[in-house]
N, C-alpha and C. Protein backbone atom coordinates (compact mmCIF):
# COMPACT_ATOMS: atom_id res chain seq x y z
N MET A 1 25.38 3.63 -43.02
CA MET A 1 24.72 3.03 -41.86
C MET A 1 23.36 2.45 -42.24
N ALA A 2 22.65 3.13 -43.13
CA ALA A 2 21.33 2.67 -43.52
C ALA A 2 21.40 1.28 -44.14
N ASP A 3 22.41 1.02 -44.97
CA ASP A 3 22.55 -0.30 -45.57
C ASP A 3 22.80 -1.36 -44.50
N ARG A 4 23.64 -1.04 -43.56
CA ARG A 4 23.94 -1.97 -42.46
C ARG A 4 22.68 -2.22 -41.62
N THR A 5 21.94 -1.16 -41.34
CA THR A 5 20.72 -1.28 -40.57
C THR A 5 19.71 -2.16 -41.31
N LEU A 6 19.54 -1.93 -42.59
CA LEU A 6 18.62 -2.73 -43.39
C LEU A 6 19.05 -4.20 -43.40
N GLN A 7 20.33 -4.43 -43.59
CA GLN A 7 20.85 -5.80 -43.59
C GLN A 7 20.58 -6.48 -42.24
N MET A 8 20.91 -5.79 -41.17
CA MET A 8 20.75 -6.39 -39.84
C MET A 8 19.28 -6.65 -39.51
N THR A 9 18.39 -5.73 -39.86
CA THR A 9 16.98 -5.94 -39.55
C THR A 9 16.40 -7.08 -40.39
N LEU A 10 16.86 -7.24 -41.63
CA LEU A 10 16.42 -8.37 -42.44
C LEU A 10 16.91 -9.68 -41.82
N LEU A 11 18.18 -9.72 -41.43
CA LEU A 11 18.71 -10.93 -40.81
C LEU A 11 17.99 -11.23 -39.49
N TYR A 12 17.66 -10.19 -38.76
CA TYR A 12 16.93 -10.36 -37.50
C TYR A 12 15.56 -10.99 -37.76
N ASP A 13 14.90 -10.57 -38.84
CA ASP A 13 13.61 -11.15 -39.17
C ASP A 13 13.72 -12.65 -39.41
N PHE A 14 14.82 -13.09 -39.98
CA PHE A 14 15.01 -14.50 -40.26
C PHE A 14 15.54 -15.29 -39.07
N TYR A 15 16.46 -14.70 -38.34
CA TYR A 15 17.19 -15.48 -37.33
C TYR A 15 17.11 -14.91 -35.91
N GLY A 16 16.31 -13.91 -35.69
CA GLY A 16 16.25 -13.25 -34.39
C GLY A 16 15.94 -14.16 -33.22
N GLU A 17 15.17 -15.20 -33.47
CA GLU A 17 14.82 -16.13 -32.39
C GLU A 17 16.02 -16.90 -31.86
N LEU A 18 17.12 -16.88 -32.58
CA LEU A 18 18.33 -17.57 -32.13
C LEU A 18 19.12 -16.74 -31.12
N LEU A 19 18.78 -15.48 -31.00
CA LEU A 19 19.47 -14.60 -30.05
C LEU A 19 18.91 -14.79 -28.65
N THR A 20 19.69 -14.38 -27.67
CA THR A 20 19.20 -14.41 -26.29
C THR A 20 18.14 -13.32 -26.12
N ASP A 21 17.37 -13.42 -25.06
CA ASP A 21 16.35 -12.41 -24.79
C ASP A 21 17.00 -11.02 -24.68
N ARG A 22 18.12 -10.94 -23.98
CA ARG A 22 18.80 -9.66 -23.80
C ARG A 22 19.26 -9.12 -25.14
N GLN A 23 19.86 -9.96 -25.96
CA GLN A 23 20.32 -9.51 -27.27
C GLN A 23 19.16 -9.01 -28.12
N ARG A 24 18.03 -9.69 -28.07
CA ARG A 24 16.85 -9.25 -28.83
C ARG A 24 16.37 -7.89 -28.34
N GLU A 25 16.34 -7.71 -27.03
CA GLU A 25 15.90 -6.43 -26.46
C GLU A 25 16.82 -5.30 -26.89
N LEU A 26 18.12 -5.51 -26.76
CA LEU A 26 19.08 -4.46 -27.12
C LEU A 26 19.05 -4.20 -28.62
N PHE A 27 18.95 -5.26 -29.40
CA PHE A 27 18.89 -5.13 -30.86
C PHE A 27 17.68 -4.29 -31.25
N ASP A 28 16.54 -4.59 -30.66
CA ASP A 28 15.31 -3.85 -30.96
C ASP A 28 15.46 -2.37 -30.63
N LEU A 29 16.01 -2.09 -29.47
CA LEU A 29 16.18 -0.68 -29.08
C LEU A 29 17.14 0.05 -30.01
N TYR A 30 18.20 -0.61 -30.40
CA TYR A 30 19.21 0.04 -31.24
C TYR A 30 18.76 0.16 -32.69
N TYR A 31 18.30 -0.92 -33.27
CA TYR A 31 17.97 -0.91 -34.69
C TYR A 31 16.54 -0.46 -35.00
N ASN A 32 15.59 -0.83 -34.17
CA ASN A 32 14.19 -0.49 -34.47
C ASN A 32 13.72 0.78 -33.79
N GLU A 33 14.16 0.99 -32.56
CA GLU A 33 13.76 2.20 -31.84
C GLU A 33 14.74 3.35 -32.04
N ASP A 34 15.87 3.06 -32.65
CA ASP A 34 16.90 4.05 -33.00
C ASP A 34 17.47 4.77 -31.77
N LEU A 35 17.60 4.03 -30.67
CA LEU A 35 18.24 4.61 -29.48
C LEU A 35 19.75 4.50 -29.63
N SER A 36 20.46 5.41 -29.03
CA SER A 36 21.92 5.37 -29.07
C SER A 36 22.43 4.35 -28.06
N LEU A 37 23.70 3.98 -28.19
CA LEU A 37 24.30 3.06 -27.24
C LEU A 37 24.22 3.63 -25.82
N ALA A 38 24.48 4.93 -25.70
CA ALA A 38 24.44 5.58 -24.39
C ALA A 38 23.04 5.53 -23.79
N GLU A 39 22.01 5.77 -24.61
CA GLU A 39 20.64 5.73 -24.11
C GLU A 39 20.26 4.33 -23.63
N ILE A 40 20.66 3.34 -24.40
CA ILE A 40 20.36 1.96 -24.02
C ILE A 40 21.12 1.59 -22.75
N ALA A 41 22.38 1.99 -22.68
CA ALA A 41 23.20 1.70 -21.50
C ALA A 41 22.57 2.29 -20.25
N GLN A 42 22.11 3.51 -20.36
CA GLN A 42 21.49 4.17 -19.21
C GLN A 42 20.20 3.44 -18.81
N GLN A 43 19.41 3.05 -19.79
CA GLN A 43 18.14 2.36 -19.52
C GLN A 43 18.37 1.02 -18.82
N TYR A 44 19.45 0.31 -19.18
CA TYR A 44 19.71 -1.01 -18.63
C TYR A 44 20.71 -0.99 -17.47
N GLY A 45 21.29 0.17 -17.19
CA GLY A 45 22.25 0.27 -16.09
C GLY A 45 23.54 -0.48 -16.37
N ILE A 46 23.94 -0.50 -17.64
CA ILE A 46 25.21 -1.14 -18.02
C ILE A 46 26.04 -0.13 -18.80
N SER A 47 27.26 -0.49 -19.07
CA SER A 47 28.13 0.44 -19.80
C SER A 47 27.77 0.48 -21.28
N ARG A 48 28.16 1.55 -21.92
CA ARG A 48 27.97 1.70 -23.36
C ARG A 48 28.69 0.56 -24.08
N GLN A 49 29.88 0.22 -23.59
CA GLN A 49 30.66 -0.86 -24.18
C GLN A 49 29.96 -2.21 -24.01
N GLY A 50 29.27 -2.37 -22.88
CA GLY A 50 28.51 -3.60 -22.66
C GLY A 50 27.38 -3.75 -23.67
N VAL A 51 26.73 -2.65 -23.95
CA VAL A 51 25.67 -2.66 -24.96
C VAL A 51 26.27 -3.03 -26.32
N ARG A 52 27.37 -2.35 -26.65
CA ARG A 52 28.02 -2.59 -27.95
C ARG A 52 28.48 -4.05 -28.08
N ALA A 53 29.04 -4.60 -27.02
CA ALA A 53 29.50 -5.99 -27.06
C ALA A 53 28.33 -6.95 -27.31
N ASN A 54 27.21 -6.70 -26.65
CA ASN A 54 26.02 -7.53 -26.87
C ASN A 54 25.53 -7.41 -28.31
N LEU A 55 25.51 -6.20 -28.83
CA LEU A 55 25.06 -5.99 -30.21
C LEU A 55 26.01 -6.65 -31.20
N MET A 56 27.29 -6.52 -30.96
CA MET A 56 28.27 -7.13 -31.87
C MET A 56 28.13 -8.65 -31.86
N HIS A 57 27.91 -9.23 -30.70
CA HIS A 57 27.73 -10.67 -30.62
C HIS A 57 26.45 -11.09 -31.36
N ALA A 58 25.39 -10.31 -31.18
CA ALA A 58 24.13 -10.60 -31.88
C ALA A 58 24.32 -10.51 -33.39
N GLU A 59 24.99 -9.46 -33.84
CA GLU A 59 25.24 -9.28 -35.27
C GLU A 59 26.07 -10.45 -35.83
N LYS A 60 27.06 -10.86 -35.07
CA LYS A 60 27.91 -11.98 -35.50
C LYS A 60 27.07 -13.25 -35.64
N THR A 61 26.20 -13.48 -34.69
CA THR A 61 25.33 -14.66 -34.74
C THR A 61 24.43 -14.61 -35.98
N LEU A 62 23.84 -13.46 -36.23
CA LEU A 62 22.96 -13.32 -37.39
C LEU A 62 23.72 -13.53 -38.70
N LEU A 63 24.89 -12.92 -38.79
CA LEU A 63 25.70 -13.06 -40.01
C LEU A 63 26.16 -14.50 -40.22
N GLN A 64 26.52 -15.18 -39.14
CA GLN A 64 26.94 -16.57 -39.27
C GLN A 64 25.79 -17.46 -39.74
N MET A 65 24.62 -17.23 -39.23
CA MET A 65 23.47 -18.02 -39.66
C MET A 65 23.16 -17.77 -41.14
N GLU A 66 23.27 -16.53 -41.55
CA GLU A 66 23.03 -16.24 -42.97
C GLU A 66 24.09 -16.89 -43.84
N GLU A 67 25.31 -16.87 -43.38
CA GLU A 67 26.40 -17.51 -44.13
C GLU A 67 26.14 -19.00 -44.29
N LYS A 68 25.60 -19.62 -43.25
CA LYS A 68 25.35 -21.06 -43.29
C LYS A 68 24.11 -21.42 -44.12
N THR A 69 23.06 -20.61 -44.03
CA THR A 69 21.80 -20.98 -44.66
C THR A 69 21.48 -20.21 -45.94
N GLY A 70 21.82 -18.94 -45.98
CA GLY A 70 21.52 -18.12 -47.16
C GLY A 70 20.04 -17.81 -47.34
N PHE A 71 19.24 -18.00 -46.28
CA PHE A 71 17.80 -17.77 -46.40
C PHE A 71 17.46 -16.33 -46.76
N ALA A 72 18.09 -15.38 -46.10
CA ALA A 72 17.77 -13.97 -46.35
C ALA A 72 18.17 -13.56 -47.77
N ALA A 73 19.33 -14.01 -48.22
CA ALA A 73 19.77 -13.69 -49.58
C ALA A 73 18.82 -14.29 -50.61
N GLY A 74 18.38 -15.52 -50.37
CA GLY A 74 17.42 -16.15 -51.27
C GLY A 74 16.11 -15.39 -51.29
N PHE A 75 15.68 -14.94 -50.13
CA PHE A 75 14.45 -14.15 -50.04
C PHE A 75 14.58 -12.86 -50.85
N GLU A 76 15.68 -12.15 -50.67
CA GLU A 76 15.89 -10.91 -51.40
C GLU A 76 15.92 -11.16 -52.91
N GLN A 77 16.55 -12.24 -53.33
CA GLN A 77 16.62 -12.57 -54.75
C GLN A 77 15.22 -12.87 -55.29
N ARG A 78 14.42 -13.63 -54.55
CA ARG A 78 13.06 -13.91 -54.99
C ARG A 78 12.23 -12.64 -55.08
N GLN A 79 12.42 -11.74 -54.13
CA GLN A 79 11.70 -10.46 -54.16
C GLN A 79 12.08 -9.66 -55.40
N SER A 80 13.35 -9.66 -55.72
CA SER A 80 13.83 -8.94 -56.90
C SER A 80 13.26 -9.54 -58.18
N TYR A 81 13.28 -10.87 -58.29
CA TYR A 81 12.71 -11.54 -59.46
C TYR A 81 11.21 -11.28 -59.57
N ALA A 82 10.52 -11.33 -58.45
CA ALA A 82 9.07 -11.09 -58.47
C ALA A 82 8.76 -9.66 -58.90
N ALA A 83 9.56 -8.70 -58.44
CA ALA A 83 9.36 -7.31 -58.85
C ALA A 83 9.59 -7.15 -60.35
N ARG A 84 10.64 -7.79 -60.85
CA ARG A 84 10.91 -7.73 -62.30
C ARG A 84 9.80 -8.40 -63.08
N GLY A 85 9.31 -9.51 -62.58
CA GLY A 85 8.18 -10.18 -63.22
C GLY A 85 6.95 -9.29 -63.28
N GLY A 86 6.71 -8.55 -62.21
CA GLY A 86 5.59 -7.61 -62.18
C GLY A 86 5.74 -6.52 -63.23
N GLU A 87 6.95 -6.04 -63.41
CA GLU A 87 7.20 -5.02 -64.44
C GLU A 87 6.92 -5.58 -65.83
N ILE A 88 7.35 -6.81 -66.08
CA ILE A 88 7.11 -7.44 -67.38
C ILE A 88 5.62 -7.64 -67.61
N ILE A 89 4.91 -8.06 -66.59
CA ILE A 89 3.46 -8.24 -66.71
C ILE A 89 2.78 -6.93 -67.06
N ARG A 90 3.17 -5.85 -66.40
CA ARG A 90 2.57 -4.54 -66.69
C ARG A 90 2.84 -4.13 -68.14
N THR A 91 4.06 -4.37 -68.60
CA THR A 91 4.40 -4.04 -69.99
C THR A 91 3.56 -4.86 -70.96
N LEU A 92 3.45 -6.15 -70.72
CA LEU A 92 2.67 -7.02 -71.59
C LEU A 92 1.19 -6.65 -71.57
N ARG A 93 0.69 -6.30 -70.40
CA ARG A 93 -0.72 -5.93 -70.26
C ARG A 93 -1.02 -4.70 -71.13
N GLU A 94 -0.09 -3.78 -71.18
CA GLU A 94 -0.28 -2.56 -71.98
C GLU A 94 -0.28 -2.85 -73.48
N SER A 95 0.49 -3.85 -73.90
CA SER A 95 0.62 -4.10 -75.34
C SER A 95 -0.24 -5.25 -75.87
N HIS A 96 -0.81 -6.06 -74.98
CA HIS A 96 -1.62 -7.20 -75.40
C HIS A 96 -2.96 -7.14 -74.68
N GLY A 97 -3.98 -6.69 -75.41
CA GLY A 97 -5.26 -6.46 -74.75
C GLY A 97 -6.30 -7.55 -74.91
N ASP A 98 -5.98 -8.67 -75.57
CA ASP A 98 -7.03 -9.68 -75.73
C ASP A 98 -7.31 -10.37 -74.40
N GLU A 99 -8.52 -10.88 -74.26
CA GLU A 99 -8.99 -11.44 -73.00
C GLU A 99 -8.16 -12.61 -72.49
N LYS A 100 -7.77 -13.50 -73.37
CA LYS A 100 -7.02 -14.68 -72.98
C LYS A 100 -5.64 -14.29 -72.42
N THR A 101 -4.99 -13.36 -73.09
CA THR A 101 -3.68 -12.90 -72.63
C THR A 101 -3.80 -12.18 -71.29
N LEU A 102 -4.81 -11.34 -71.16
CA LEU A 102 -5.00 -10.61 -69.90
C LEU A 102 -5.30 -11.57 -68.75
N ALA A 103 -6.05 -12.62 -69.01
CA ALA A 103 -6.35 -13.62 -67.96
C ALA A 103 -5.06 -14.34 -67.54
N ALA A 104 -4.23 -14.67 -68.52
CA ALA A 104 -2.95 -15.33 -68.21
C ALA A 104 -2.05 -14.40 -67.41
N LEU A 105 -2.03 -13.14 -67.76
CA LEU A 105 -1.21 -12.17 -67.04
C LEU A 105 -1.73 -11.99 -65.61
N ASP A 106 -3.04 -12.00 -65.44
CA ASP A 106 -3.61 -11.92 -64.09
C ASP A 106 -3.16 -13.11 -63.24
N GLU A 107 -3.18 -14.29 -63.85
CA GLU A 107 -2.74 -15.49 -63.14
C GLU A 107 -1.26 -15.40 -62.77
N LEU A 108 -0.45 -14.95 -63.70
CA LEU A 108 0.98 -14.76 -63.40
C LEU A 108 1.19 -13.77 -62.27
N GLU A 109 0.41 -12.73 -62.27
CA GLU A 109 0.52 -11.74 -61.20
C GLU A 109 0.16 -12.34 -59.85
N ARG A 110 -0.86 -13.17 -59.80
CA ARG A 110 -1.25 -13.84 -58.54
C ARG A 110 -0.12 -14.77 -58.07
N ILE A 111 0.49 -15.48 -59.01
CA ILE A 111 1.59 -16.37 -58.66
C ILE A 111 2.76 -15.58 -58.07
N LEU A 112 3.09 -14.45 -58.70
CA LEU A 112 4.19 -13.62 -58.19
C LEU A 112 3.87 -13.06 -56.80
N ASP A 113 2.61 -12.69 -56.58
CA ASP A 113 2.23 -12.18 -55.27
C ASP A 113 2.42 -13.25 -54.19
N VAL A 114 2.09 -14.49 -54.52
CA VAL A 114 2.30 -15.59 -53.56
C VAL A 114 3.79 -15.77 -53.31
N MET A 115 4.59 -15.69 -54.35
CA MET A 115 6.04 -15.86 -54.20
C MET A 115 6.65 -14.76 -53.35
N LYS A 116 6.12 -13.57 -53.46
CA LYS A 116 6.64 -12.45 -52.67
C LYS A 116 6.36 -12.63 -51.19
N GLY A 117 5.29 -13.33 -50.90
CA GLY A 117 4.95 -13.57 -49.48
C GLY A 117 4.06 -12.56 -48.99
């Protein structure tokens, strides 16, 4: 469930504005506030199945947008590359102590930080 939750919240960050107001509210309560379907249903005066149907439709919308654009996957890939770049910089910094190399590594680190967002 944690992997699904992480995936959905990442997709929501990218495409959440495409959902209806109701879908955003229910999504937030379920994924971010960790309320159960029954708790949300009671709060909104609708059935548990109604909550689930809204969430499933929202999830489908998010997944379809990701399938079409790939923005979230690209973001995750850039984050992974930037993290690996940071590891390489740390390794090089430990083994190359001259001023010119350290300055270049500092610059690379700033570039990676910008790429990470």
